[in-house]
């Protein structure tokens, strides 16, 4: 599948098995950060960065009074180092940033399968 050609969706990460997995994991999440009429102020960006460090995968909810479009805000949040915009769905943005030391999401698939002890 080719990369998005719409200029509004340029901030999305390219289609991949990791993106599909992140979308599946993000479906059950509740929004951790809410953006209101202040928009993407420095304090909001710092809060998103902290939430990504704690959780790796974060939902951000945009309030009705939020200035700017959802695509502009996703692009602004995606400008941070190594932050990937996984999905923009309605007024919700799903963000991912791999933890620098112990990634829970990407290391799960590389873990060996535990097998029962043989007798």
PDB file of N, CA and C in Angstrom:
ATOM      1  N   UNK A   1       0.847  -1.165   0.000  1.00  0.00           N
ATOM      2  CA  UNK A   1       0.000   0.000   0.000  1.00  0.00           C
ATOM      3  C   UNK A   1       0.898   1.235   0.000  1.00  0.00           C
ATOM      4  N   UNK A   2       0.680   2.181  -0.911  1.00  0.00           N
ATOM      5  CA  UNK A   2       1.528   3.367  -0.988  1.00  0.00           C
ATOM      6  C   UNK A   2       1.288   4.325   0.170  1.00  0.00           C
ATOM      7  N   UNK A   3       2.240   5.229   0.355  1.00  0.00           N
ATOM      8  CA  UNK A   3       2.117   6.244   1.404  1.00  0.00           C
ATOM      9  C   UNK A   3       0.956   7.175   1.071  1.00  0.00           C
ATOM     10  N   UNK A   4       0.364   7.829   2.076  1.00  0.00           N
ATOM     11  CA  UNK A   4      -0.769   8.714   1.816  1.00  0.00           C
ATOM     12  C   UNK A   4      -0.368   9.866   0.899  1.00  0.00           C
ATOM     13  N   UNK A   5      -1.222  10.156  -0.072  1.00  0.00           N
ATOM     14  CA  UNK A   5      -0.934  11.242  -1.002  1.00  0.00           C
ATOM     15  C   UNK A   5      -1.619  12.540  -0.581  1.00  0.00           C
ATOM     16  N   UNK A   6      -2.586  12.449   0.289  1.00  0.00           N
ATOM     17  CA  UNK A   6      -3.280  13.641   0.758  1.00  0.00           C
ATOM     18  C   UNK A   6      -2.343  14.452   1.644  1.00  0.00           C
ATOM     19  N   UNK A   7      -2.231  15.757   1.404  1.00  0.00           N
ATOM     20  CA  UNK A   7      -1.343  16.569   2.254  1.00  0.00           C
ATOM     21  C   UNK A   7      -1.806  16.604   3.699  1.00  0.00           C
ATOM     22  N   UNK A   8      -3.080  16.307   3.940  1.00  0.00           N
ATOM     23  CA  UNK A   8      -3.600  16.309   5.298  1.00  0.00           C
ATOM     24  C   UNK A   8      -3.107  15.094   6.075  1.00  0.00           C
ATOM     25  N   UNK A   9      -2.798  14.019   5.381  1.00  0.00           N
ATOM     26  CA  UNK A   9      -2.403  12.789   6.057  1.00  0.00           C
ATOM     27  C   UNK A   9      -0.908  12.506   5.956  1.00  0.00           C
ATOM     28  N   UNK A  10      -0.114  13.489   5.591  1.00  0.00           N
ATOM     29  CA  UNK A  10       1.339  13.311   5.466  1.00  0.00           C
ATOM     30  C   UNK A  10       1.983  12.950   6.797  1.00  0.00           C
ATOM     31  N   UNK A  11       1.380  13.354   7.906  1.00  0.00           N
ATOM     32  CA  UNK A  11       1.990  13.109   9.215  1.00  0.00           C
ATOM     33  C   UNK A  11       1.823  11.662   9.673  1.00  0.00           C
ATOM     34  N   UNK A  12       0.949  10.876   9.024  1.00  0.00           N
ATOM     35  CA  UNK A  12       0.741   9.489   9.430  1.00  0.00           C
ATOM     36  C   UNK A  12       1.961   8.627   9.121  1.00  0.00           C
ATOM     37  N   UNK A  13       2.200   7.655   9.993  1.00  0.00           N
ATOM     38  CA  UNK A  13       3.281   6.718   9.719  1.00  0.00           C
ATOM     39  C   UNK A  13       2.872   5.821   8.553  1.00  0.00           C
ATOM     40  N   UNK A  14       3.825   5.337   7.765  1.00  0.00           N
ATOM     41  CA  UNK A  14       3.468   4.509   6.602  1.00  0.00           C
ATOM     42  C   UNK A  14       2.834   3.189   7.021  1.00  0.00           C
ATOM     43  N   UNK A  15       1.997   2.641   6.151  1.00  0.00           N
ATOM     44  CA  UNK A  15       1.350   1.365   6.467  1.00  0.00           C
ATOM     45  C   UNK A  15       2.389   0.262   6.683  1.00  0.00           C
ATOM     46  N   UNK A  16       2.204  -0.506   7.737  1.00  0.00           N
ATOM     47  CA  UNK A  16       3.135  -1.585   8.058  1.00  0.00           C
ATOM     48  C   UNK A  16       2.449  -2.523   9.049  1.00  0.00           C
ATOM     49  N   UNK A  17       3.027  -3.696   9.273  1.00  0.00           N
ATOM     50  CA  UNK A  17       2.461  -4.581  10.302  1.00  0.00           C
ATOM     51  C   UNK A  17       2.474  -3.932  11.689  1.00  0.00           C
ATOM     52  N   UNK A  18       3.506  -3.124  11.974  1.00  0.00           N
ATOM     53  CA  UNK A  18       3.565  -2.433  13.267  1.00  0.00           C
ATOM     54  C   UNK A  18       2.404  -1.460  13.401  1.00  0.00           C
ATOM     55  N   UNK A  19       2.091  -0.719  12.350  1.00  0.00           N
ATOM     56  CA  UNK A  19       0.983   0.239  12.417  1.00  0.00           C
ATOM     57  C   UNK A  19      -0.341  -0.487  12.643  1.00  0.00           C
ATOM     58  N   UNK A  20      -0.550  -1.606  11.970  1.00  0.00           N
ATOM     59  CA  UNK A  20      -1.784  -2.375  12.178  1.00  0.00           C
ATOM     60  C   UNK A  20      -1.879  -2.855  13.620  1.00  0.00           C
ATOM     61  N   UNK A  21      -0.762  -3.297  14.157  1.00  0.00           N
ATOM     62  CA  UNK A  21      -0.743  -3.774  15.543  1.00  0.00           C
ATOM     63  C   UNK A  21      -1.023  -2.630  16.519  1.00  0.00           C
ATOM     64  N   UNK A  22      -0.444  -1.465  16.261  1.00  0.00           N
ATOM     65  CA  UNK A  22      -0.668  -0.307  17.127  1.00  0.00           C
ATOM     66  C   UNK A  22      -2.125   0.150  17.077  1.00  0.00           C
ATOM     67  N   UNK A  23      -2.716   0.126  15.901  1.00  0.00           N
ATOM     68  CA  UNK A  23      -4.129   0.496  15.788  1.00  0.00           C
ATOM     69  C   UNK A  23      -5.003  -0.478  16.569  1.00  0.00           C
ATOM     70  N   UNK A  24      -4.666  -1.763  16.502  1.00  0.00           N
ATOM     71  CA  UNK A  24      -5.431  -2.770  17.243  1.00  0.00           C
ATOM     72  C   UNK A  24      -5.293  -2.555  18.750  1.00  0.00           C
ATOM     73  N   UNK A  25      -4.079  -2.275  19.214  1.00  0.00           N
ATOM     74  CA  UNK A  25      -3.853  -2.045  20.644  1.00  0.00           C
ATOM     75  C   UNK A  25      -4.491  -0.739  21.119  1.00  0.00           C
ATOM     76  N   UNK A  26      -4.516   0.262  20.272  1.00  0.00           N
ATOM     77  CA  UNK A  26      -5.054   1.560  20.648  1.00  0.00           C
ATOM     78  C   UNK A  26      -6.561   1.614  20.696  1.00  0.00           C
ATOM     79  N   UNK A  27      -7.209   0.628  20.108  1.00  0.00           N
ATOM     80  CA  UNK A  27      -8.669   0.633  20.064  1.00  0.00           C
ATOM     81  C   UNK A  27      -9.288   0.669  21.462  1.00  0.00           C
ATOM     82  N   UNK A  28      -8.733  -0.052  22.405  1.00  0.00           N
ATOM     83  CA  UNK A  28      -9.316  -0.150  23.749  1.00  0.00           C
ATOM     84  C   UNK A  28      -8.835   0.949  24.697  1.00  0.00           C
ATOM     85  N   UNK A  29      -7.899   1.777  24.270  1.00  0.00           N
ATOM     86  CA  UNK A  29      -7.358   2.820  25.153  1.00  0.00           C
ATOM     87  C   UNK A  29      -8.332   3.966  25.347  1.00  0.00           C
ATOM     88  N   UNK A  30      -8.233   4.594  26.504  1.00  0.00           N
ATOM     89  CA  UNK A  30      -8.955   5.831  26.785  1.00  0.00           C
ATOM     90  C   UNK A  30      -8.001   6.998  26.536  1.00  0.00           C
ATOM     91  N   UNK A  31      -8.499   8.174  26.142  1.00  0.00           N
ATOM     92  CA  UNK A  31      -7.616   9.322  25.938  1.00  0.00           C
ATOM     93  C   UNK A  31      -6.889   9.704  27.229  1.00  0.00           C
ATOM     94  N   UNK A  32      -5.591   9.890  27.111  1.00  0.00           N
ATOM     95  CA  UNK A  32      -4.754  10.258  28.259  1.00  0.00           C
ATOM     96  C   UNK A  32      -4.587  11.773  28.317  1.00  0.00           C
ATOM     97  N   UNK A  33      -4.525  12.411  27.141  1.00  0.00           N
ATOM     98  CA  UNK A  33      -4.321  13.854  27.057  1.00  0.00           C
ATOM     99  C   UNK A  33      -5.501  14.451  26.307  1.00  0.00           C
ATOM    100  N   UNK A  34      -5.986  15.596  26.791  1.00  0.00           N
ATOM    101  CA  UNK A  34      -7.047  16.315  26.098  1.00  0.00           C
ATOM    102  C   UNK A  34      -6.537  17.703  25.743  1.00  0.00           C
ATOM    103  N   UNK A  35      -6.787  18.108  24.516  1.00  0.00           N
ATOM    104  CA  UNK A  35      -6.353  19.421  24.051  1.00  0.00           C
ATOM    105  C   UNK A  35      -7.585  20.299  23.927  1.00  0.00           C
ATOM    106  N   UNK A  36      -7.548  21.446  24.607  1.00  0.00           N
ATOM    107  CA  UNK A  36      -8.691  22.363  24.618  1.00  0.00           C
ATOM    108  C   UNK A  36      -8.404  23.633  23.850  1.00  0.00           C
ATOM    109  N   UNK A  37      -8.931  24.745  24.342  1.00  0.00           N
ATOM    110  CA  UNK A  37      -8.821  26.010  23.615  1.00  0.00           C
ATOM    111  C   UNK A  37      -7.414  26.595  23.616  1.00  0.00           C
ATOM    112  N   UNK A  38      -6.522  26.079  24.443  1.00  0.00           N
ATOM    113  CA  UNK A  38      -5.128  26.534  24.427  1.00  0.00           C
ATOM    114  C   UNK A  38      -4.376  25.999  23.205  1.00  0.00           C
ATOM    115  N   UNK A  39      -4.882  24.946  22.601  1.00  0.00           N
ATOM    116  CA  UNK A  39      -4.220  24.359  21.442  1.00  0.00           C
ATOM    117  C   UNK A  39      -2.988  23.577  21.860  1.00  0.00           C
ATOM    118  N   UNK A  40      -2.014  23.533  20.990  1.00  0.00           N
ATOM    119  CA  UNK A  40      -0.789  22.780  21.277  1.00  0.00           C
ATOM    120  C   UNK A  40       0.266  23.707  21.873  1.00  0.00           C
ATOM    121  N   UNK A  41      -0.011  24.204  23.047  1.00  0.00           N
ATOM    122  CA  UNK A  41       0.945  25.039  23.771  1.00  0.00           C
ATOM    123  C   UNK A  41       2.117  24.173  24.229  1.00  0.00           C
ATOM    124  N   UNK A  42       3.170  24.794  24.661  1.00  0.00           N
ATOM    125  CA  UNK A  42       4.365  24.061  25.095  1.00  0.00           C
ATOM    126  C   UNK A  42       4.051  23.107  26.241  1.00  0.00           C
ATOM    127  N   UNK A  43       3.153  23.509  27.131  1.00  0.00           N
ATOM    128  CA  UNK A  43       2.815  22.640  28.254  1.00  0.00           C
ATOM    129  C   UNK A  43       2.077  21.378  27.792  1.00  0.00           C
ATOM    130  N   UNK A  44       1.236  21.511  26.778  1.00  0.00           N
ATOM    131  CA  UNK A  44       0.514  20.354  26.246  1.00  0.00           C
ATOM    132  C   UNK A  44       1.479  19.404  25.547  1.00  0.00           C
ATOM    133  N   UNK A  45       2.407  19.958  24.789  1.00  0.00           N
ATOM    134  CA  UNK A  45       3.411  19.132  24.110  1.00  0.00           C
ATOM    135  C   UNK A  45       4.266  18.398  25.135  1.00  0.00           C
ATOM    136  N   UNK A  46       4.618  19.065  26.231  1.00  0.00           N
ATOM    137  CA  UNK A  46       5.395  18.413  27.288  1.00  0.00           C
ATOM    138  C   UNK A  46       4.577  17.310  27.960  1.00  0.00           C
ATOM    139  N   UNK A  47       3.292  17.532  28.143  1.00  0.00           N
ATOM    140  CA  UNK A  47       2.423  16.517  28.740  1.00  0.00           C
ATOM    141  C   UNK A  47       2.313  15.295  27.821  1.00  0.00           C
ATOM    142  N   UNK A  48       2.210  15.522  26.526  1.00  0.00           N
ATOM    143  CA  UNK A  48       2.146  14.415  25.563  1.00  0.00           C
ATOM    144  C   UNK A  48       3.462  13.639  25.586  1.00  0.00           C
ATOM    145  N   UNK A  49       4.586  14.352  25.638  1.00  0.00           N
ATOM    146  CA  UNK A  49       5.889  13.677  25.680  1.00  0.00           C
ATOM    147  C   UNK A  49       6.027  12.823  26.933  1.00  0.00           C
ATOM    148  N   UNK A  50       5.550  13.327  28.056  1.00  0.00           N
ATOM    149  CA  UNK A  50       5.609  12.561  29.314  1.00  0.00           C
ATOM    150  C   UNK A  50       4.699  11.321  29.249  1.00  0.00           C
ATOM    151  N   UNK A  51       3.511  11.495  28.697  1.00  0.00           N
ATOM    152  CA  UNK A  51       2.589  10.368  28.571  1.00  0.00           C
ATOM    153  C   UNK A  51       3.159   9.302  27.642  1.00  0.00           C
ATOM    154  N   UNK A  52       3.822   9.715  26.568  1.00  0.00           N
ATOM    155  CA  UNK A  52       4.434   8.747  25.653  1.00  0.00           C
ATOM    156  C   UNK A  52       5.588   8.007  26.311  1.00  0.00           C
ATOM    157  N   UNK A  53       6.334   8.685  27.164  1.00  0.00           N
ATOM    158  CA  UNK A  53       7.422   8.027  27.881  1.00  0.00           C
ATOM    159  C   UNK A  53       6.868   6.990  28.850  1.00  0.00           C
ATOM    160  N   UNK A  54       5.729   7.285  29.459  1.00  0.00           N
ATOM    161  CA  UNK A  54       5.125   6.359  30.410  1.00  0.00           C
ATOM    162  C   UNK A  54       4.407   5.192  29.735  1.00  0.00           C
ATOM    163  N   UNK A  55       3.715   5.466  28.619  1.00  0.00           N
ATOM    164  CA  UNK A  55       2.819   4.463  28.042  1.00  0.00           C
ATOM    165  C   UNK A  55       3.206   3.952  26.657  1.00  0.00           C
ATOM    166  N   UNK A  56       4.031   4.640  25.914  1.00  0.00           N
ATOM    167  CA  UNK A  56       4.417   4.338  24.531  1.00  0.00           C
ATOM    168  C   UNK A  56       3.309   4.599  23.517  1.00  0.00           C
ATOM    169  N   UNK A  57       2.089   4.212  23.817  1.00  0.00           N
ATOM    170  CA  UNK A  57       0.960   4.391  22.906  1.00  0.00           C
ATOM    171  C   UNK A  57      -0.101   5.218  23.631  1.00  0.00           C
ATOM    172  N   UNK A  58      -0.459   6.371  23.058  1.00  0.00           N
ATOM    173  CA  UNK A  58      -1.317   7.324  23.758  1.00  0.00           C
ATOM    174  C   UNK A  58      -2.397   7.839  22.813  1.00  0.00           C
ATOM    175  N   UNK A  59      -3.610   7.956  23.345  1.00  0.00           N
ATOM    176  CA  UNK A  59      -4.693   8.614  22.626  1.00  0.00           C
ATOM    177  C   UNK A  59      -4.784  10.055  23.105  1.00  0.00           C
ATOM    178  N   UNK A  60      -4.933  10.972  22.144  1.00  0.00           N
ATOM    179  CA  UNK A  60      -5.096  12.388  22.441  1.00  0.00           C
ATOM    180  C   UNK A  60      -6.458  12.804  21.912  1.00  0.00           C
ATOM    181  N   UNK A  61      -7.268  13.401  22.772  1.00  0.00           N
ATOM    182  CA  UNK A  61      -8.621  13.835  22.398  1.00  0.00           C
ATOM    183  C   UNK A  61      -8.620  15.340  22.184  1.00  0.00           C
ATOM    184  N   UNK A  62      -9.209  15.784  21.077  1.00  0.00           N
ATOM    185  CA  UNK A  62      -9.304  17.207  20.776  1.00  0.00           C
ATOM    186  C   UNK A  62     -10.688  17.704  21.174  1.00  0.00           C
ATOM    187  N   UNK A  63     -10.707  18.763  21.962  1.00  0.00           N
ATOM    188  CA  UNK A  63     -11.980  19.345  22.372  1.00  0.00           C
ATOM    189  C   UNK A  63     -12.621  20.116  21.227  1.00  0.00           C
ATOM    190  N   UNK A  64     -13.893  20.413  21.360  1.00  0.00           N
ATOM    191  CA  UNK A  64     -14.625  21.138  20.311  1.00  0.00           C
ATOM    192  C   UNK A  64     -14.097  22.552  20.130  1.00  0.00           C
ATOM    193  N   UNK A  65     -13.572  23.148  21.196  1.00  0.00           N
ATOM    194  CA  UNK A  65     -13.075  24.520  21.121  1.00  0.00           C
ATOM    195  C   UNK A  65     -11.597  24.602  20.731  1.00  0.00           C
ATOM    196  N   UNK A  66     -11.010  23.498  20.369  1.00  0.00           N
ATOM    197  CA  UNK A  66      -9.590  23.439  20.014  1.00  0.00           C
ATOM    198  C   UNK A  66      -9.327  24.191  18.706  1.00  0.00           C
ATOM    199  N   UNK A  67      -8.376  25.137  18.713  1.00  0.00           N
ATOM    200  CA  UNK A  67      -8.066  25.861  17.473  1.00  0.00           C
ATOM    201  C   UNK A  67      -7.262  24.959  16.528  1.00  0.00           C
ATOM    202  N   UNK A  68      -7.408  25.168  15.267  1.00  0.00           N
ATOM    203  CA  UNK A  68      -6.680  24.373  14.283  1.00  0.00           C
ATOM    204  C   UNK A  68      -7.405  23.079  13.963  1.00  0.00           C
ATOM    205  N   UNK A  69      -7.036  22.498  12.854  1.00  0.00           N
ATOM    206  CA  UNK A  69      -7.661  21.239  12.445  1.00  0.00           C
ATOM    207  C   UNK A  69      -6.940  20.071  13.102  1.00  0.00           C
ATOM    208  N   UNK A  70      -7.570  18.936  13.058  1.00  0.00           N
ATOM    209  CA  UNK A  70      -6.967  17.730  13.650  1.00  0.00           C
ATOM    210  C   UNK A  70      -5.693  17.339  12.921  1.00  0.00           C
ATOM    211  N   UNK A  71      -5.621  17.630  11.625  1.00  0.00           N
ATOM    212  CA  UNK A  71      -4.434  17.288  10.851  1.00  0.00           C
ATOM    213  C   UNK A  71      -3.263  18.205  11.198  1.00  0.00           C
ATOM    214  N   UNK A  72      -3.536  19.488  11.446  1.00  0.00           N
ATOM    215  CA  UNK A  72      -2.496  20.428  11.863  1.00  0.00           C
ATOM    216  C   UNK A  72      -1.934  20.039  13.227  1.00  0.00           C
ATOM    217  N   UNK A  73      -2.819  19.675  14.140  1.00  0.00           N
ATOM    218  CA  UNK A  73      -2.382  19.301  15.483  1.00  0.00           C
ATOM    219  C   UNK A  73      -1.606  17.996  15.446  1.00  0.00           C
ATOM    220  N   UNK A  74      -2.048  17.045  14.635  1.00  0.00           N
ATOM    221  CA  UNK A  74      -1.318  15.783  14.494  1.00  0.00           C
ATOM    222  C   UNK A  74       0.069  16.026  13.916  1.00  0.00           C
ATOM    223  N   UNK A  75       0.168  16.915  12.942  1.00  0.00           N
ATOM    224  CA  UNK A  75       1.468  17.243  12.363  1.00  0.00           C
ATOM    225  C   UNK A  75       2.368  17.906  13.399  1.00  0.00           C
ATOM    226  N   UNK A  76       1.791  18.791  14.214  1.00  0.00           N
ATOM    227  CA  UNK A  76       2.571  19.483  15.262  1.00  0.00           C
ATOM    228  C   UNK A  76       3.079  18.482  16.300  1.00  0.00           C
ATOM    229  N   UNK A  77       2.233  17.544  16.725  1.00  0.00           N
ATOM    230  CA  UNK A  77       2.660  16.554  17.711  1.00  0.00           C
ATOM    231  C   UNK A  77       3.630  15.544  17.092  1.00  0.00           C
ATOM    232  N   UNK A  78       3.485  15.276  15.809  1.00  0.00           N
ATOM    233  CA  UNK A  78       4.372  14.343  15.120  1.00  0.00           C
ATOM    234  C   UNK A  78       5.740  14.920  14.816  1.00  0.00           C
ATOM    235  N   UNK A  79       5.905  16.240  14.967  1.00  0.00           N
ATOM    236  CA  UNK A  79       7.203  16.876  14.724  1.00  0.00           C
ATOM    237  C   UNK A  79       8.220  16.548  15.809  1.00  0.00           C
ATOM    238  N   UNK A  80       7.742  16.181  16.982  1.00  0.00           N
ATOM    239  CA  UNK A  80       8.650  15.843  18.076  1.00  0.00           C
ATOM    240  C   UNK A  80       9.505  14.643  17.664  1.00  0.00           C
ATOM    241  N   UNK A  81      10.647  14.481  18.290  1.00  0.00           N
ATOM    242  CA  UNK A  81      11.581  13.430  17.893  1.00  0.00           C
ATOM    243  C   UNK A  81      10.995  12.037  18.097  1.00  0.00           C
ATOM    244  N   UNK A  82      10.958  11.282  17.042  1.00  0.00           N
ATOM    245  CA  UNK A  82      10.545   9.883  17.012  1.00  0.00           C
ATOM    246  C   UNK A  82       9.088   9.643  17.396  1.00  0.00           C
ATOM    247  N   UNK A  83       8.252  10.655  17.418  1.00  0.00           N
ATOM    248  CA  UNK A  83       6.824  10.465  17.687  1.00  0.00           C
ATOM    249  C   UNK A  83       6.153  10.154  16.356  1.00  0.00           C
ATOM    250  N   UNK A  84       5.391   9.077  16.336  1.00  0.00           N
ATOM    251  CA  UNK A  84       4.714   8.664  15.111  1.00  0.00           C
ATOM    252  C   UNK A  84       3.208   8.800  15.303  1.00  0.00           C
ATOM    253  N   UNK A  85       2.554   9.391  14.321  1.00  0.00           N
ATOM    254  CA  UNK A  85       1.099   9.490  14.331  1.00  0.00           C
ATOM    255  C   UNK A  85       0.574   8.209  13.701  1.00  0.00           C
ATOM    256  N   UNK A  86      -0.071   7.377  14.494  1.00  0.00           N
ATOM    257  CA  UNK A  86      -0.560   6.083  14.030  1.00  0.00           C
ATOM    258  C   UNK A  86      -1.885   6.245  13.316  1.00  0.00           C
ATOM    259  N   UNK A  87      -2.795   7.034  13.902  1.00  0.00           N
ATOM    260  CA  UNK A  87      -4.145   7.130  13.361  1.00  0.00           C
ATOM    261  C   UNK A  87      -4.777   8.455  13.756  1.00  0.00           C
ATOM    262  N   UNK A  88      -5.563   9.015  12.837  1.00  0.00           N
ATOM    263  CA  UNK A  88      -6.400  10.174  13.123  1.00  0.00           C
ATOM    264  C   UNK A  88      -7.816   9.721  12.833  1.00  0.00           C
ATOM    265  N   UNK A  89      -8.622   9.639  13.878  1.00  0.00           N
ATOM    266  CA  UNK A  89      -9.984   9.138  13.730  1.00  0.00           C
ATOM    267  C   UNK A  89     -10.923  10.088  14.454  1.00  0.00           C
ATOM    268  N   UNK A  90     -11.711  10.825  13.698  1.00  0.00           N
ATOM    269  CA  UNK A  90     -12.586  11.820  14.297  1.00  0.00           C
ATOM    270  C   UNK A  90     -11.756  12.892  14.981  1.00  0.00           C
ATOM    271  N   UNK A  91     -12.031  13.154  16.230  1.00  0.00           N
ATOM    272  CA  UNK A  91     -11.263  14.148  16.994  1.00  0.00           C
ATOM    273  C   UNK A  91     -10.284  13.471  17.952  1.00  0.00           C
ATOM    274  N   UNK A  92      -9.845  12.280  17.572  1.00  0.00           N
ATOM    275  CA  UNK A  92      -8.910  11.517  18.385  1.00  0.00           C
ATOM    276  C   UNK A  92      -7.668  11.200  17.558  1.00  0.00           C
ATOM    277  N   UNK A  93      -6.509  11.392  18.165  1.00  0.00           N
ATOM    278  CA  UNK A  93      -5.233  11.110  17.505  1.00  0.00           C
ATOM    279  C   UNK A  93      -4.519  10.038  18.326  1.00  0.00           C
ATOM    280  N   UNK A  94      -4.018   9.029  17.655  1.00  0.00           N
ATOM    281  CA  UNK A  94      -3.275   7.953  18.307  1.00  0.00           C
ATOM    282  C   UNK A  94      -1.797   8.153  18.003  1.00  0.00           C
ATOM    283  N   UNK A  95      -0.985   8.304  19.062  1.00  0.00           N
ATOM    284  CA  UNK A  95       0.445   8.570  18.924  1.00  0.00           C
ATOM    285  C   UNK A  95       1.257   7.416  19.502  1.00  0.00           C
ATOM    286  N   UNK A  96       2.444   7.201  18.920  1.00  0.00           N
ATOM    287  CA  UNK A  96       3.338   6.140  19.388  1.00  0.00           C
ATOM    288  C   UNK A  96       4.765   6.658  19.400  1.00  0.00           C
ATOM    289  N   UNK A  97       5.469   6.330  20.470  1.00  0.00           N
ATOM    290  CA  UNK A  97       6.904   6.587  20.547  1.00  0.00           C
ATOM    291  C   UNK A  97       7.531   5.420  21.293  1.00  0.00           C
ATOM    292  N   UNK A  98       8.460   4.748  20.658  1.00  0.00           N
ATOM    293  CA  UNK A  98       9.108   3.578  21.259  1.00  0.00           C
ATOM    294  C   UNK A  98       9.901   4.009  22.481  1.00  0.00           C
ATOM    295  N   UNK A  99       9.757   3.263  23.560  1.00  0.00           N
ATOM    296  CA  UNK A  99      10.494   3.564  24.794  1.00  0.00           C
ATOM    297  C   UNK A  99      11.974   3.321  24.536  1.00  0.00           C
ATOM    298  N   UNK A 100      12.855   4.217  24.995  1.00  0.00           N
ATOM    299  CA  UNK A 100      14.280   4.079  24.682  1.00  0.00           C
ATOM    300  C   UNK A 100      14.949   2.852  25.308  1.00  0.00           C
ATOM    301  N   UNK A 101      14.472   2.384  26.456  1.00  0.00           N
ATOM    302  CA  UNK A 101      15.146   1.265  27.119  1.00  0.00           C
ATOM    303  C   UNK A 101      14.374  -0.041  27.049  1.00  0.00           C
ATOM    304  N   UNK A 102      13.119  -0.015  27.468  1.00  0.00           N
ATOM    305  CA  UNK A 102      12.354  -1.270  27.493  1.00  0.00           C
ATOM    306  C   UNK A 102      10.994  -1.076  26.842  1.00  0.00           C
ATOM    307  N   UNK A 103      10.947  -1.392  25.568  1.00  0.00           N
ATOM    308  CA  UNK A 103       9.711  -1.269  24.820  1.00  0.00           C
ATOM    309  C   UNK A 103       8.806  -2.456  25.112  1.00  0.00           C
ATOM    310  N   UNK A 104       7.581  -2.172  25.515  1.00  0.00           N
ATOM    311  CA  UNK A 104       6.621  -3.237  25.790  1.00  0.00           C
ATOM    312  C   UNK A 104       5.974  -3.727  24.505  1.00  0.00           C
ATOM    313  N   UNK A 105       5.786  -2.848  23.557  1.00  0.00           N
ATOM    314  CA  UNK A 105       5.023  -3.178  22.359  1.00  0.00           C
ATOM    315  C   UNK A 105       5.865  -3.914  21.327  1.00  0.00           C
ATOM    316  N   UNK A 106       7.031  -3.400  21.003  1.00  0.00           N
ATOM    317  CA  UNK A 106       7.829  -4.020  19.952  1.00  0.00           C
ATOM    318  C   UNK A 106       8.587  -5.244  20.430  1.00  0.00           C
ATOM    319  N   UNK A 107       8.862  -5.345  21.710  1.00  0.00           N
ATOM    320  CA  UNK A 107       9.619  -6.502  22.193  1.00  0.00           C
ATOM    321  C   UNK A 107       8.739  -7.720  22.429  1.00  0.00           C
ATOM    322  N   UNK A 108       7.403  -7.527  22.524  1.00  0.00           N
ATOM    323  CA  UNK A 108       6.499  -8.648  22.761  1.00  0.00           C
ATOM    324  C   UNK A 108       6.578  -9.702  21.670  1.00  0.00           C
ATOM    325  N   UNK A 109       6.674  -9.284  20.430  1.00  0.00           N
ATOM    326  CA  UNK A 109       6.669 -10.246  19.339  1.00  0.00           C
ATOM    327  C   UNK A 109       7.999 -10.980  19.221  1.00  0.00           C
ATOM    328  N   UNK A 110       9.052 -10.489  19.861  1.00  0.00           N
ATOM    329  CA  UNK A 110      10.353 -11.124  19.781  1.00  0.00           C
ATOM    330  C   UNK A 110      10.620 -12.061  20.952  1.00  0.00           C
ATOM    331  N   UNK A 111       9.736 -12.050  21.947  1.00  0.00           N
ATOM    332  CA  UNK A 111       9.895 -12.910  23.109  1.00  0.00           C
ATOM    333  C   UNK A 111       9.683 -14.363  22.733  1.00  0.00           C
ATOM    334  N   UNK A 112      10.516 -15.264  23.244  1.00  0.00           N
ATOM    335  CA  UNK A 112      10.299 -16.675  22.930  1.00  0.00           C
ATOM    336  C   UNK A 112       9.022 -17.190  23.599  1.00  0.00           C
ATOM    337  N   UNK A 113       8.405 -18.129  22.936  1.00  0.00           N
ATOM    338  CA  UNK A 113       7.175 -18.723  23.470  1.00  0.00           C
ATOM    339  C   UNK A 113       7.556 -19.687  24.581  1.00  0.00           C
ATOM    340  N   UNK A 114       6.913 -19.539  25.741  1.00  0.00           N
ATOM    341  CA  UNK A 114       7.217 -20.448  26.839  1.00  0.00           C
ATOM    342  C   UNK A 114       6.534 -21.783  26.581  1.00  0.00           C
ATOM    343  N   UNK A 115       7.245 -22.837  26.819  1.00  0.00           N
ATOM    344  CA  UNK A 115       6.712 -24.161  26.578  1.00  0.00           C
ATOM    345  C   UNK A 115       6.641 -24.912  27.901  1.00  0.00           C
ATOM    346  N   UNK A 116       5.667 -25.765  28.051  1.00  0.00           N
ATOM    347  CA  UNK A 116       5.562 -26.530  29.294  1.00  0.00           C
ATOM    348  C   UNK A 116       6.760 -27.466  29.458  1.00  0.00           C
ATOM    349  N   UNK A 117       7.136 -27.673  30.696  1.00  0.00           N
ATOM    350  CA  UNK A 117       8.269 -28.568  30.983  1.00  0.00           C
ATOM    351  C   UNK A 117       7.918 -29.987  30.611  1.00  0.00           C
ATOM    352  N   UNK A 118       8.898 -30.672  30.074  1.00  0.00           N
ATOM    353  CA  UNK A 118       8.680 -32.073  29.689  1.00  0.00           C
ATOM    354  C   UNK A 118       8.991 -32.968  30.866  1.00  0.00           C
ATOM    355  N   UNK A 119       8.233 -34.049  31.009  1.00  0.00           N
ATOM    356  CA  UNK A 119       8.445 -34.992  32.112  1.00  0.00           C
ATOM    357  C   UNK A 119       8.928 -36.306  31.618  1.00  0.00           C
TER     358      UNK A 119
END
